[in-house]
Structure formats: structure tokens, C-alpha cells
């Protein structure tokens, strides 16, 4: 079952592409225990399976990957050919530092 979240009005749904409340596009989200921070597999659980705390869940949108900007790509393309690059988790590009 997919967990969807509206970043504008915080409505939560398991299906659909748009928020039933405000009409904006829904994003994928994960549910976490506020007590220990572990991911909650079943939001209908009454207690956290990891720490035993009473259900107090937090829904957070999954960060969307962003494409590198034109300026970042030009900087990398114009750099020395021997310069290795690293693609970061957020999709940005940075030169790898020499060890």
C-alpha cells in the first residue's frame, strides 16, 4: 500500500495523484515513530515495533531527487578531464576531493 502525503495541507492518502482536500499533487511519504525515529511498517499499529512506545507517528515526504542545474553541468564539463566527480544523494554534482 502506497503512502501519499500533501505537503501543503498535510492530508494523507493511500491512492490517487492529487490531494482530495486542496487539489495539489501528492508526494510519496514514509511514516516514522516520533519516539525512536524508526520507520513504521504499518501505520495502524498501536505501538512501535522497535521501541514499544504508544503510537505517535510522523509522516514525512520522501525527498525528491533534483536534476543538476545547467551551471553545475557546465562547471563539470569545463573542468579538467582528470577531475573525478561525485553525484550526491540529492542529485547535485560536486568534484571529488583528492585523498
Protein backbone atom coordinates (compact mmCIF):
# COMPACT_ATOMS: atom_id res chain seq x y z
CA UNK A 1 0.00 0.00 0.00
CA UNK A 2 1.47 3.34 -1.06
CA UNK A 3 1.65 6.15 1.47
CA UNK A 4 0.97 9.57 -0.09
CA UNK A 5 1.21 12.97 1.53
CA UNK A 6 0.17 16.52 0.65
CA UNK A 7 2.98 18.92 1.58
CA UNK A 8 0.56 21.87 1.60
CA UNK A 9 -2.30 20.73 3.86
CA UNK A 10 -0.72 17.53 5.33
CA UNK A 11 -3.60 15.30 4.16
CA UNK A 12 -2.66 11.61 3.91
CA UNK A 13 -3.95 9.09 1.38
CA UNK A 14 -3.06 5.65 0.03
CA UNK A 15 -4.07 6.23 -3.59
CA UNK A 16 -4.57 8.96 -6.16
CA UNK A 17 -2.38 11.61 -7.72
CA UNK A 18 -3.95 14.77 -6.29
CA UNK A 19 -4.97 15.84 -2.79
CA UNK A 20 -8.68 15.36 -2.10
CA UNK A 21 -8.62 18.44 0.15
CA UNK A 22 -6.69 21.15 -1.73
CA UNK A 23 -6.14 19.68 -5.21
CA UNK A 24 -2.33 19.80 -5.26
CA UNK A 25 -0.18 16.86 -6.41
CA UNK A 26 0.54 14.28 -3.71
CA UNK A 27 4.09 13.12 -2.95
CA UNK A 28 5.27 9.77 -1.64
CA UNK A 29 5.84 9.70 2.10
CA UNK A 30 7.06 7.40 4.86
CA UNK A 31 5.80 7.13 8.43
CA UNK A 32 8.20 7.30 11.39
CA UNK A 33 7.94 6.80 15.15
CA UNK A 34 8.38 10.16 16.92
CA UNK A 35 9.93 8.39 19.90
CA UNK A 36 12.77 6.41 18.27
CA UNK A 37 12.75 7.59 14.64
CA UNK A 38 12.36 4.13 13.12
CA UNK A 39 10.24 3.67 10.01
CA UNK A 40 6.73 2.37 10.76
CA UNK A 41 5.70 -0.54 8.53
CA UNK A 42 2.00 -0.45 9.41
CA UNK A 43 0.58 2.94 10.48
CA UNK A 44 -2.43 1.16 12.02
CA UNK A 45 -0.15 -0.36 14.71
CA UNK A 46 -0.96 0.85 18.21
CA UNK A 47 2.65 0.56 19.43
CA UNK A 48 6.09 0.95 17.82
CA UNK A 49 7.60 -2.42 16.94
CA UNK A 50 11.12 -1.08 17.64
CA UNK A 51 10.83 0.83 20.94
CA UNK A 52 7.38 -0.14 22.27
CA UNK A 53 6.17 3.46 22.52
CA UNK A 54 2.45 4.17 22.12
CA UNK A 55 1.59 5.15 18.53
CA UNK A 56 2.70 8.71 17.81
CA UNK A 57 3.62 8.67 14.14
CA UNK A 58 5.12 11.40 11.98
CA UNK A 59 4.60 11.38 8.21
CA UNK A 60 7.44 12.85 6.17
CA UNK A 61 7.57 13.25 2.39
CA UNK A 62 10.30 11.35 0.61
CA UNK A 63 12.80 13.89 -0.73
CA UNK A 64 12.56 14.22 -4.48
CA UNK A 65 15.76 13.92 -6.47
CA UNK A 66 16.65 17.10 -8.26
CA UNK A 67 18.38 17.41 -11.59
CA UNK A 68 21.71 19.26 -11.75
CA UNK A 69 21.44 22.86 -12.90
CA UNK A 70 22.87 23.98 -16.23
CA UNK A 71 25.54 25.93 -14.35
CA UNK A 72 26.62 22.81 -12.43
CA UNK A 73 26.82 20.77 -15.62
CA UNK A 74 28.82 23.48 -17.42
CA UNK A 75 31.23 23.74 -14.49
CA UNK A 76 31.82 19.98 -14.56
CA UNK A 77 32.11 19.79 -18.35
CA UNK A 78 34.60 22.68 -18.41
CA UNK A 79 36.74 21.24 -15.62
CA UNK A 80 39.90 19.26 -16.22
CA UNK A 81 39.20 15.84 -17.76
CA UNK A 82 41.07 14.10 -14.93
CA UNK A 83 38.83 15.61 -12.24
CA UNK A 84 36.56 12.86 -10.89
CA UNK A 85 33.07 13.93 -9.89
CA UNK A 86 30.56 12.66 -7.37
CA UNK A 87 26.79 12.69 -7.78
CA UNK A 88 25.33 13.45 -4.36
CA UNK A 89 22.19 11.85 -2.89
CA UNK A 90 20.17 14.97 -3.74
CA UNK A 91 21.28 14.77 -7.40
CA UNK A 92 23.77 17.63 -7.25
CA UNK A 93 27.26 17.18 -8.69
CA UNK A 94 30.48 18.00 -6.85
CA UNK A 95 34.15 17.41 -7.64
CA UNK A 96 35.64 14.55 -5.63
CA UNK A 97 38.42 15.69 -3.32
CA UNK A 98 41.83 14.06 -3.64
CA UNK A 99 42.85 11.80 -0.76
